[in-house]
Amino acid sequence: MSRGIFITGTGTDVGKTYVTALVVKKLRSCGVDAGYYKAALSGADEDNGALIPGDAKYVCDIAGINANPSDCVSYIYKNAYSPHLAALIEGNPVEPEVIRKDFDRSSEKYEYITVEGSGGIICPIRYDKKIMLEDIVKELKLPTLLVADAGLGTINSVVLTVFYMLQHGMRVNGIIFNRFVDGDTIMEDNVKMVEEMTGIKVIAKVHKGDTELDIDADILKGMYEEVQK
């Protein structure tokens, strides 16, 4: 039985894909058969009429996953919009049963599967059916890791996101701060305050340009939970 986790962020542009790649790379560098999946990807580049899922390609390249990036994503959109709006313009709206099927296939291939979300936890995925990112987390029955920018303002965004997730029945197993600067007074205090206010541990701090995730592999593996059908 494989183990999985869902990585979400406090919002867009917090470095979720960058951190996700380091998470998967860490597992694979320790001999773990680790894979990657993303339900919906927006802002894909186009090459000779074919959409290239940049996030998935980046994770596969950095983590050394020998897979076609397009096989790691269920829905790929050209426009760099929220998936609900991209699908409204381009067609091919998200269907939960497709995501469940593709996730199951991916999780069966790997010992550990890391799922990357789109935007923040209440990102609209398909608005006519009122499908939000949180509905995908619940459908896949996965615990989460929360990625946040380490700088000014993160206390508010992290605490609000965590409280929302917990109140809506999601599990937050850890927080990762991105763009962390050692010795920075604000950032060091942000770690302390976030942990005190949420009761959730900041399990890793990622610095600009890091190529490895500074965390014990066993601690990282402990964040994952058995995939439920």
Protein backbone atom coordinates (compact mmCIF):
# COMPACT_ATOMS: atom_id res chain seq x y z
CA MET A 1 0.00 0.00 0.00
CA SER A 2 1.44 3.37 -1.00
CA ARG A 3 1.63 6.46 1.17
CA GLY A 4 0.69 9.97 0.10
CA ILE A 5 0.54 13.64 0.94
CA PHE A 6 -1.02 16.74 -0.60
CA ILE A 7 1.08 19.91 -0.85
CA THR A 8 -0.82 23.18 -0.89
CA GLY A 9 0.20 26.79 -0.37
CA THR A 10 -1.02 29.92 1.36
CA GLY A 11 -1.56 31.35 -2.14
CA THR A 12 -0.01 31.55 -5.57
CA ASP A 13 3.68 32.35 -6.11
CA VAL A 14 4.86 31.05 -2.73
CA GLY A 15 7.14 28.52 -4.43
CA LYS A 16 4.93 25.47 -4.04
CA THR A 17 6.28 23.68 -7.13
CA TYR A 18 9.88 24.44 -6.18
CA VAL A 19 9.36 23.04 -2.69
CA THR A 20 7.42 20.05 -4.00
CA ALA A 21 10.33 19.15 -6.27
CA LEU A 22 12.72 19.27 -3.32
CA VAL A 23 10.37 17.08 -1.25
CA VAL A 24 10.18 14.40 -3.91
CA LYS A 25 13.91 14.67 -4.62
CA LYS A 26 14.69 14.16 -0.93
CA LEU A 27 12.69 10.95 -0.83
CA ARG A 28 14.18 9.59 -4.03
CA SER A 29 17.74 10.45 -2.94
CA CYS A 30 17.16 8.24 0.11
CA GLY A 31 16.14 5.28 -2.01
CA VAL A 32 12.38 5.80 -1.75
CA ASP A 33 10.31 5.03 -4.86
CA ALA A 34 8.56 8.42 -4.92
CA GLY A 35 6.26 9.88 -7.57
CA TYR A 36 4.31 13.04 -8.34
CA TYR A 37 0.76 13.91 -9.38
CA LYS A 38 -1.16 17.13 -10.02
CA ALA A 39 -4.87 17.28 -10.75
CA ALA A 40 -5.06 20.56 -12.71
CA LEU A 41 -2.28 22.73 -14.11
CA SER A 42 -2.75 26.19 -15.59
CA GLY A 43 -0.33 28.34 -17.55
CA ALA A 44 1.17 25.55 -19.65
CA ASP A 45 3.57 26.42 -22.46
CA GLU A 46 2.71 25.38 -25.98
CA ASP A 47 5.08 23.52 -28.30
CA ASN A 48 3.91 22.71 -31.82
CA GLY A 49 0.30 22.73 -30.66
CA ALA A 50 0.93 20.52 -27.63
CA LEU A 51 0.59 21.86 -24.09
CA ILE A 52 3.66 21.28 -21.92
CA PRO A 53 2.87 21.00 -18.17
CA GLY A 54 5.75 23.09 -16.85
CA ASP A 55 5.22 22.37 -13.14
CA ALA A 56 5.18 18.63 -13.70
CA LYS A 57 8.20 18.76 -16.00
CA TYR A 58 10.11 20.78 -13.41
CA VAL A 59 9.36 18.33 -10.60
CA CYS A 60 10.21 15.31 -12.76
CA ASP A 61 13.49 16.89 -13.88
CA ILE A 62 14.61 18.02 -10.41
CA ALA A 63 13.51 14.86 -8.61
CA GLY A 64 14.74 12.50 -11.30
CA ILE A 65 11.38 10.91 -12.04
CA ASN A 66 11.50 8.91 -15.25
CA ALA A 67 8.00 9.73 -16.47
CA ASN A 68 6.25 11.75 -19.15
CA PRO A 69 5.20 14.95 -17.33
CA SER A 70 1.86 14.93 -19.14
CA ASP A 71 1.09 11.57 -17.53
CA CYS A 72 1.47 13.19 -14.10
CA VAL A 73 -1.35 15.71 -14.65
CA SER A 74 -5.04 15.12 -15.34
CA TYR A 75 -6.00 18.55 -16.70
CA ILE A 76 -3.64 20.93 -18.50
CA TYR A 77 -4.70 24.49 -19.43
CA LYS A 78 -2.87 27.11 -21.46
CA ASN A 79 -4.20 30.19 -19.70
CA ALA A 80 -2.48 31.05 -16.41
CA TYR A 81 -5.79 31.43 -14.62
CA SER A 82 -7.56 29.58 -11.85
CA PRO A 83 -8.55 26.16 -13.31
CA HIS A 84 -12.27 27.02 -13.21
CA LEU A 85 -11.72 30.10 -15.43
CA ALA A 86 -9.18 28.43 -17.71
CA ALA A 87 -11.63 25.59 -18.34
CA LEU A 88 -14.46 28.04 -18.96
CA ILE A 89 -12.38 29.57 -21.75
CA GLU A 90 -10.70 26.45 -23.11
CA GLY A 91 -13.18 23.70 -22.29
CA ASN A 92 -12.34 20.33 -20.69
CA PRO A 93 -13.59 21.10 -17.16
CA VAL A 94 -12.38 19.02 -14.23
CA GLU A 95 -14.30 15.85 -13.38
CA PRO A 96 -13.65 14.45 -9.88
CA GLU A 97 -13.93 10.84 -11.03
CA VAL A 98 -11.12 11.41 -13.54
CA ILE A 99 -8.89 12.83 -10.82
CA ARG A 100 -9.64 9.89 -8.53
CA LYS A 101 -8.85 7.39 -11.29
CA ASP A 102 -5.62 9.11 -12.31
CA PHE A 103 -4.49 9.50 -8.70
CA ASP A 104 -5.15 5.83 -7.98
CA ARG A 105 -3.12 4.86 -11.02
CA SER A 106 -0.24 7.10 -9.94
CA SER A 107 -0.30 5.92 -6.33
CA GLU A 108 -0.21 2.30 -7.43
CA LYS A 109 3.02 2.98 -9.34
CA TYR A 110 4.96 4.46 -6.43
CA GLU A 111 5.73 3.71 -2.80
CA TYR A 112 5.22 7.39 -1.91
CA ILE A 113 3.07 9.78 -3.96
CA THR A 114 3.21 13.57 -3.59
CA VAL A 115 0.23 15.53 -4.90
CA GLU A 116 0.64 19.22 -5.69
CA GLY A 117 -2.37 21.50 -5.51
CA SER A 118 -3.30 24.53 -7.61
CA GLY A 119 -3.03 27.93 -5.92
CA GLY A 120 -4.36 28.14 -2.37
CA ILE A 121 -6.67 25.76 -0.57
CA ILE A 122 -9.89 27.50 -1.69
CA CYS A 123 -8.81 27.87 -5.31
CA PRO A 124 -11.89 27.25 -7.50
CA ILE A 125 -11.36 24.15 -9.64
CA ARG A 126 -14.79 23.97 -11.28
CA TYR A 127 -17.25 26.62 -10.26
CA ASP A 128 -20.47 25.36 -11.92
CA LYS A 129 -20.24 22.25 -9.75
CA LYS A 130 -18.73 24.19 -6.81
CA ILE A 131 -15.53 22.13 -6.78
CA MET A 132 -12.75 23.78 -4.81
CA LEU A 133 -9.22 22.57 -4.17
CA GLU A 134 -10.25 21.42 -0.71
CA ASP A 135 -12.73 19.03 -2.32
CA ILE A 136 -9.86 17.31 -4.13
CA VAL A 137 -7.93 16.97 -0.86
CA LYS A 138 -10.98 15.38 0.75
CA GLU A 139 -11.70 13.14 -2.24
CA LEU A 140 -8.16 11.79 -2.13
CA LYS A 141 -8.28 11.50 1.70
CA LEU A 142 -4.75 12.84 2.05
CA PRO A 143 -3.00 14.77 4.82
CA THR A 144 -1.36 18.03 3.78
CA LEU A 145 1.84 20.01 3.96
CA LEU A 146 1.46 23.78 3.76
CA VAL A 147 4.03 25.87 1.87
CA ALA A 148 4.32 29.55 2.79
CA ASP A 149 6.64 32.46 2.04
CA ALA A 150 8.86 33.09 5.06
CA GLY A 151 8.60 36.87 4.94
CA LEU A 152 6.45 39.66 6.30
CA GLY A 153 2.72 38.87 6.35
CA THR A 154 3.06 35.12 6.55
CA ILE A 155 1.68 34.86 10.09
CA ASN A 156 -1.70 36.06 8.91
CA SER A 157 -1.80 33.94 5.77
CA VAL A 158 -0.56 30.76 7.45
CA VAL A 159 -2.80 30.99 10.50
CA LEU A 160 -5.91 31.77 8.46
CA THR A 161 -5.17 28.94 6.02
CA VAL A 162 -4.50 26.42 8.78
CA PHE A 163 -7.62 27.37 10.75
CA TYR A 164 -9.75 27.13 7.60
CA MET A 165 -8.33 23.71 6.74
CA LEU A 166 -8.77 22.30 10.22
CA GLN A 167 -12.31 23.65 10.51
CA HIS A 168 -13.14 22.02 7.17
CA GLY A 169 -11.89 18.60 8.18
CA MET A 170 -8.44 18.57 6.58
CA ARG A 171 -5.26 17.42 8.26
CA VAL A 172 -2.18 19.65 8.25
CA ASN A 173 0.88 17.58 9.13
CA GLY A 174 3.50 20.27 8.73
CA ILE A 175 4.49 23.68 7.40
CA ILE A 176 7.42 24.52 5.11
CA PHE A 177 8.73 28.08 4.89
CA ASN A 178 10.18 29.07 1.51
CA ARG A 179 12.67 31.90 0.81
CA PHE A 180 13.93 31.74 4.38
CA VAL A 181 16.94 33.82 5.42
CA ASP A 182 18.86 32.59 8.47
CA GLY A 183 19.18 35.24 11.13
CA ASP A 184 16.44 37.44 9.72
CA THR A 185 14.58 38.79 12.76
CA ILE A 186 11.14 38.78 11.14
CA MET A 187 11.49 35.33 9.61
CA GLU A 188 12.82 33.75 12.78
CA ASP A 189 9.92 35.25 14.71
CA ASN A 190 7.46 34.09 12.03
CA VAL A 191 8.48 30.49 12.70
CA LYS A 192 7.93 30.91 16.43
CA MET A 193 4.60 32.69 16.08
CA VAL A 194 3.17 30.35 13.45
CA GLU A 195 4.02 27.29 15.53
CA GLU A 196 2.56 28.81 18.69
CA MET A 197 -0.62 30.04 17.00
CA THR A 198 -1.37 26.91 14.96
CA GLY A 199 0.19 24.15 17.04
CA ILE A 200 1.78 22.81 13.84
CA LYS A 201 5.52 22.38 13.36
CA VAL A 202 7.55 24.19 10.71
CA ILE A 203 9.33 21.08 9.48
CA ALA A 204 11.70 22.72 7.00
CA LYS A 205 13.07 26.10 5.94
CA VAL A 206 13.99 26.47 2.28
CA HIS A 207 16.51 29.13 1.30
CA LYS A 208 16.80 30.81 -2.08
CA GLY A 209 18.72 28.55 -4.43
CA ASP A 210 18.53 25.45 -2.24
CA THR A 211 18.91 22.23 -4.20
CA GLU A 212 18.24 19.93 -1.25
CA LEU A 213 15.54 19.92 1.43
CA ASP A 214 17.15 20.25 4.87
CA ILE A 215 15.10 17.71 6.79
CA ASP A 216 15.68 14.22 8.14
CA ALA A 217 14.30 11.71 5.66
CA ASP A 218 12.47 9.75 8.36
CA ILE A 219 10.72 12.92 9.56
CA LEU A 220 9.66 13.70 6.00
CA LYS A 221 8.43 10.16 5.42
CA GLY A 222 6.46 10.43 8.67
CA MET A 223 4.40 13.24 7.14
CA TYR A 224 2.91 10.80 4.61
CA GLU A 225 -0.04 8.56 5.39
CA GLU A 226 -1.40 5.39 3.85
CA VAL A 227 -3.45 6.05 0.72
CA GLN A 228 -7.11 5.20 1.21
CA LYS A 229 -9.33 3.98 -1.60
